[in-house]
Amino acid sequence: MESIKRISEIASDDRAVLERLFGVPLEPSAAVVLIQKAADVEPVSPVAASEDEIPEWFNVLDGLSEEDVVDFLATLDAPVRLARAI
């Protein structure tokens, strides 16, 4: 599904949301194209085959060296800064 709108046609509250999303002010003469796509992914059951079994995809650290695991775990402890200057 595709939707094309001119910025001048969008309500000011909705325009503010788009500006925050894109991180820049939007010119009234600009246009925005939004495309909604369905994911081509098979749904996964949230429950494992048995309560004692962990799904294979859950073992994300398998195959990594001990050094890589330590580096990965260190990134989890590092603060994440998601804010951007506008």
N, C-alpha and C. Protein backbone atom coordinates (compact mmCIF):
# COMPACT_ATOMS: atom_id res chain seq x y z
N MET A 1 0.84 -1.16 0.00
CA MET A 1 0.00 0.00 0.00
C MET A 1 0.89 1.23 0.00
N GLU A 2 0.61 2.18 -0.84
CA GLU A 2 1.42 3.37 -0.98
C GLU A 2 0.54 4.60 -0.84
N SER A 3 1.05 5.61 -0.16
CA SER A 3 0.31 6.83 0.03
C SER A 3 1.24 8.01 -0.21
N ILE A 4 0.85 8.93 -1.07
CA ILE A 4 1.65 10.12 -1.36
C ILE A 4 0.86 11.34 -0.90
N LYS A 5 1.48 12.15 -0.07
CA LYS A 5 0.84 13.35 0.45
C LYS A 5 1.81 14.52 0.34
N ARG A 6 1.28 15.68 0.00
CA ARG A 6 2.06 16.91 0.07
C ARG A 6 2.07 17.35 1.53
N ILE A 7 3.18 17.91 1.96
CA ILE A 7 3.30 18.35 3.34
C ILE A 7 2.21 19.37 3.68
N SER A 8 1.86 20.22 2.73
CA SER A 8 0.84 21.24 2.98
C SER A 8 -0.54 20.62 3.24
N GLU A 9 -0.76 19.35 2.83
CA GLU A 9 -2.04 18.67 3.05
C GLU A 9 -2.12 17.98 4.40
N ILE A 10 -1.00 17.90 5.11
CA ILE A 10 -0.92 17.14 6.36
C ILE A 10 -1.17 18.08 7.53
N ALA A 11 -1.99 17.66 8.48
CA ALA A 11 -2.29 18.46 9.67
C ALA A 11 -1.00 18.77 10.43
N SER A 12 -0.98 19.92 11.09
CA SER A 12 0.26 20.37 11.74
C SER A 12 0.76 19.39 12.80
N ASP A 13 -0.13 18.76 13.55
CA ASP A 13 0.31 17.78 14.55
C ASP A 13 0.98 16.59 13.89
N ASP A 14 0.39 16.10 12.80
CA ASP A 14 0.98 14.97 12.08
C ASP A 14 2.30 15.38 11.42
N ARG A 15 2.35 16.60 10.93
CA ARG A 15 3.58 17.10 10.30
C ARG A 15 4.71 17.16 11.32
N ALA A 16 4.39 17.56 12.55
CA ALA A 16 5.40 17.61 13.60
C ALA A 16 5.96 16.22 13.88
N VAL A 17 5.10 15.22 13.83
CA VAL A 17 5.55 13.83 14.03
C VAL A 17 6.50 13.43 12.91
N LEU A 18 6.15 13.75 11.67
CA LEU A 18 7.02 13.42 10.53
C LEU A 18 8.35 14.15 10.63
N GLU A 19 8.33 15.40 11.06
CA GLU A 19 9.58 16.15 11.19
C GLU A 19 10.48 15.53 12.25
N ARG A 20 9.88 15.05 13.32
CA ARG A 20 10.68 14.36 14.35
C ARG A 20 11.23 13.05 13.81
N LEU A 21 10.42 12.35 13.02
CA LEU A 21 10.86 11.09 12.44
C LEU A 21 12.04 11.29 11.50
N PHE A 22 11.93 12.29 10.61
CA PHE A 22 12.98 12.54 9.63
C PHE A 22 14.13 13.36 10.21
N GLY A 23 13.87 14.08 11.30
CA GLY A 23 14.93 14.85 11.94
C GLY A 23 15.22 16.18 11.27
N VAL A 24 14.36 16.63 10.38
CA VAL A 24 14.55 17.91 9.69
C VAL A 24 13.19 18.57 9.49
N PRO A 25 13.17 19.91 9.42
CA PRO A 25 11.91 20.58 9.09
C PRO A 25 11.50 20.24 7.66
N LEU A 26 10.22 20.07 7.41
CA LEU A 26 9.73 19.74 6.09
C LEU A 26 9.12 20.97 5.43
N GLU A 27 9.54 21.22 4.21
CA GLU A 27 9.04 22.36 3.45
C GLU A 27 7.59 22.09 3.01
N PRO A 28 6.73 23.11 3.00
CA PRO A 28 5.33 22.90 2.59
C PRO A 28 5.19 22.37 1.16
N SER A 29 6.16 22.65 0.31
CA SER A 29 6.08 22.19 -1.08
C SER A 29 6.60 20.76 -1.25
N ALA A 30 7.15 20.18 -0.18
CA ALA A 30 7.70 18.82 -0.27
C ALA A 30 6.56 17.80 -0.27
N ALA A 31 6.90 16.58 -0.64
CA ALA A 31 5.94 15.48 -0.61
C ALA A 31 6.54 14.32 0.18
N VAL A 32 5.69 13.56 0.79
CA VAL A 32 6.11 12.40 1.57
C VAL A 32 5.46 11.16 0.96
N VAL A 33 6.24 10.11 0.77
CA VAL A 33 5.72 8.85 0.27
C VAL A 33 5.88 7.82 1.38
N LEU A 34 4.77 7.26 1.81
CA LEU A 34 4.79 6.21 2.82
C LEU A 34 4.39 4.91 2.16
N ILE A 35 5.22 3.90 2.35
CA ILE A 35 4.95 2.58 1.76
C ILE A 35 4.83 1.58 2.90
N GLN A 36 3.71 0.90 2.95
CA GLN A 36 3.49 -0.13 3.95
C GLN A 36 3.68 -1.48 3.29
N LYS A 37 4.61 -2.26 3.82
CA LYS A 37 4.87 -3.58 3.25
C LYS A 37 4.67 -4.64 4.31
N ALA A 38 4.17 -5.76 3.88
CA ALA A 38 4.03 -6.90 4.78
C ALA A 38 5.35 -7.65 4.82
N ALA A 39 5.72 -8.12 5.99
CA ALA A 39 6.95 -8.89 6.12
C ALA A 39 6.73 -10.29 5.56
N ASP A 40 7.72 -10.79 4.83
CA ASP A 40 7.66 -12.14 4.28
C ASP A 40 8.30 -13.11 5.27
N VAL A 41 7.74 -13.15 6.46
CA VAL A 41 8.30 -13.98 7.52
C VAL A 41 7.19 -14.88 8.06
N GLU A 42 7.52 -16.12 8.23
CA GLU A 42 6.56 -17.06 8.81
C GLU A 42 6.35 -16.72 10.28
N PRO A 43 5.13 -16.72 10.77
CA PRO A 43 4.90 -16.45 12.19
C PRO A 43 5.56 -17.53 13.04
N VAL A 44 6.10 -17.10 14.16
CA VAL A 44 6.78 -18.02 15.07
C VAL A 44 5.94 -18.15 16.32
N SER A 45 5.74 -19.38 16.75
CA SER A 45 4.98 -19.61 17.97
C SER A 45 5.80 -19.11 19.16
N PRO A 46 5.20 -18.31 20.03
CA PRO A 46 5.95 -17.79 21.18
C PRO A 46 6.27 -18.86 22.22
N VAL A 47 5.64 -20.01 22.11
CA VAL A 47 5.85 -21.09 23.08
C VAL A 47 6.73 -22.16 22.43
N ALA A 48 7.77 -22.57 23.13
CA ALA A 48 8.65 -23.63 22.63
C ALA A 48 7.89 -24.96 22.64
N ALA A 49 8.47 -25.97 21.98
CA ALA A 49 7.83 -27.28 21.90
C ALA A 49 7.49 -27.81 23.29
N SER A 50 8.39 -27.62 24.23
CA SER A 50 8.10 -27.95 25.62
C SER A 50 8.67 -26.83 26.48
N GLU A 51 8.21 -26.72 27.70
CA GLU A 51 8.64 -25.63 28.56
C GLU A 51 10.13 -25.71 28.89
N ASP A 52 10.73 -26.88 28.82
CA ASP A 52 12.14 -27.04 29.15
C ASP A 52 13.04 -26.81 27.94
N GLU A 53 12.45 -26.69 26.77
CA GLU A 53 13.22 -26.56 25.53
C GLU A 53 13.34 -25.10 25.13
N ILE A 54 14.55 -24.67 24.75
CA ILE A 54 14.77 -23.32 24.24
C ILE A 54 14.86 -23.43 22.73
N PRO A 55 14.15 -22.57 21.98
CA PRO A 55 14.23 -22.63 20.52
C PRO A 55 15.67 -22.41 20.04
N GLU A 56 16.04 -23.03 18.94
CA GLU A 56 17.40 -22.95 18.42
C GLU A 56 17.82 -21.52 18.12
N TRP A 57 16.91 -20.70 17.61
CA TRP A 57 17.24 -19.32 17.27
C TRP A 57 17.57 -18.48 18.49
N PHE A 58 17.23 -18.96 19.67
CA PHE A 58 17.47 -18.22 20.91
C PHE A 58 18.94 -18.21 21.30
N ASN A 59 19.71 -19.15 20.80
CA ASN A 59 21.13 -19.27 21.15
C ASN A 59 21.97 -18.36 20.26
N VAL A 60 21.83 -17.05 20.44
CA VAL A 60 22.47 -16.08 19.55
C VAL A 60 23.97 -16.00 19.73
N LEU A 61 24.50 -16.49 20.84
CA LEU A 61 25.94 -16.41 21.07
C LEU A 61 26.68 -17.66 20.62
N ASP A 62 25.95 -18.69 20.17
CA ASP A 62 26.60 -19.91 19.69
C ASP A 62 27.52 -19.60 18.53
N GLY A 63 28.71 -20.17 18.55
CA GLY A 63 29.65 -20.00 17.45
C GLY A 63 30.58 -18.81 17.62
N LEU A 64 30.33 -17.96 18.62
CA LEU A 64 31.22 -16.82 18.86
C LEU A 64 32.38 -17.25 19.77
N SER A 65 33.53 -16.63 19.55
CA SER A 65 34.67 -16.91 20.42
C SER A 65 34.40 -16.27 21.78
N GLU A 66 35.16 -16.69 22.78
CA GLU A 66 34.98 -16.14 24.13
C GLU A 66 35.24 -14.63 24.13
N GLU A 67 36.21 -14.18 23.34
CA GLU A 67 36.53 -12.76 23.24
C GLU A 67 35.35 -11.98 22.62
N ASP A 68 34.74 -12.56 21.58
CA ASP A 68 33.59 -11.92 20.94
C ASP A 68 32.40 -11.84 21.91
N VAL A 69 32.21 -12.87 22.71
CA VAL A 69 31.12 -12.87 23.69
C VAL A 69 31.35 -11.77 24.72
N VAL A 70 32.60 -11.64 25.19
CA VAL A 70 32.92 -10.59 26.17
C VAL A 70 32.67 -9.21 25.55
N ASP A 71 33.10 -9.00 24.29
CA ASP A 71 32.87 -7.72 23.61
C ASP A 71 31.37 -7.44 23.46
N PHE A 72 30.62 -8.46 23.08
CA PHE A 72 29.18 -8.30 22.90
C PHE A 72 28.51 -7.92 24.22
N LEU A 73 28.85 -8.62 25.29
CA LEU A 73 28.25 -8.35 26.58
C LEU A 73 28.63 -6.96 27.09
N ALA A 74 29.83 -6.49 26.75
CA ALA A 74 30.26 -5.14 27.15
C ALA A 74 29.40 -4.09 26.47
N THR A 75 28.96 -4.34 25.24
CA THR A 75 28.10 -3.36 24.56
C THR A 75 26.74 -3.25 25.23
N LEU A 76 26.30 -4.32 25.87
CA LEU A 76 25.01 -4.27 26.57
C LEU A 76 25.09 -3.37 27.80
N ASP A 77 26.29 -3.25 28.39
CA ASP A 77 26.46 -2.42 29.57
C ASP A 77 26.73 -0.96 29.23
N ALA A 78 27.07 -0.68 27.96
CA ALA A 78 27.36 0.69 27.55
C ALA A 78 26.06 1.47 27.39
N PRO A 79 26.05 2.75 27.79
CA PRO A 79 24.83 3.55 27.63
C PRO A 79 24.53 3.79 26.14
N VAL A 80 23.27 3.84 25.82
CA VAL A 80 22.85 4.07 24.44
C VAL A 80 22.27 5.48 24.35
N ARG A 81 22.74 6.23 23.38
CA ARG A 81 22.25 7.60 23.20
C ARG A 81 21.47 7.64 21.89
N LEU A 82 20.14 7.73 22.00
CA LEU A 82 19.29 7.72 20.82
C LEU A 82 18.85 9.11 20.39
N ALA A 83 19.09 10.11 21.22
CA ALA A 83 18.66 11.46 20.87
C ALA A 83 19.56 12.04 19.79
N ARG A 84 18.96 12.83 18.90
CA ARG A 84 19.72 13.52 17.85
C ARG A 84 19.51 15.01 18.01
N ALA A 85 20.55 15.77 17.67
CA ALA A 85 20.41 17.22 17.67
C ALA A 85 19.63 17.62 16.42
N ILE A 86 18.66 18.47 16.59
CA ILE A 86 17.86 18.92 15.44
C ILE A 86 18.17 20.37 15.17
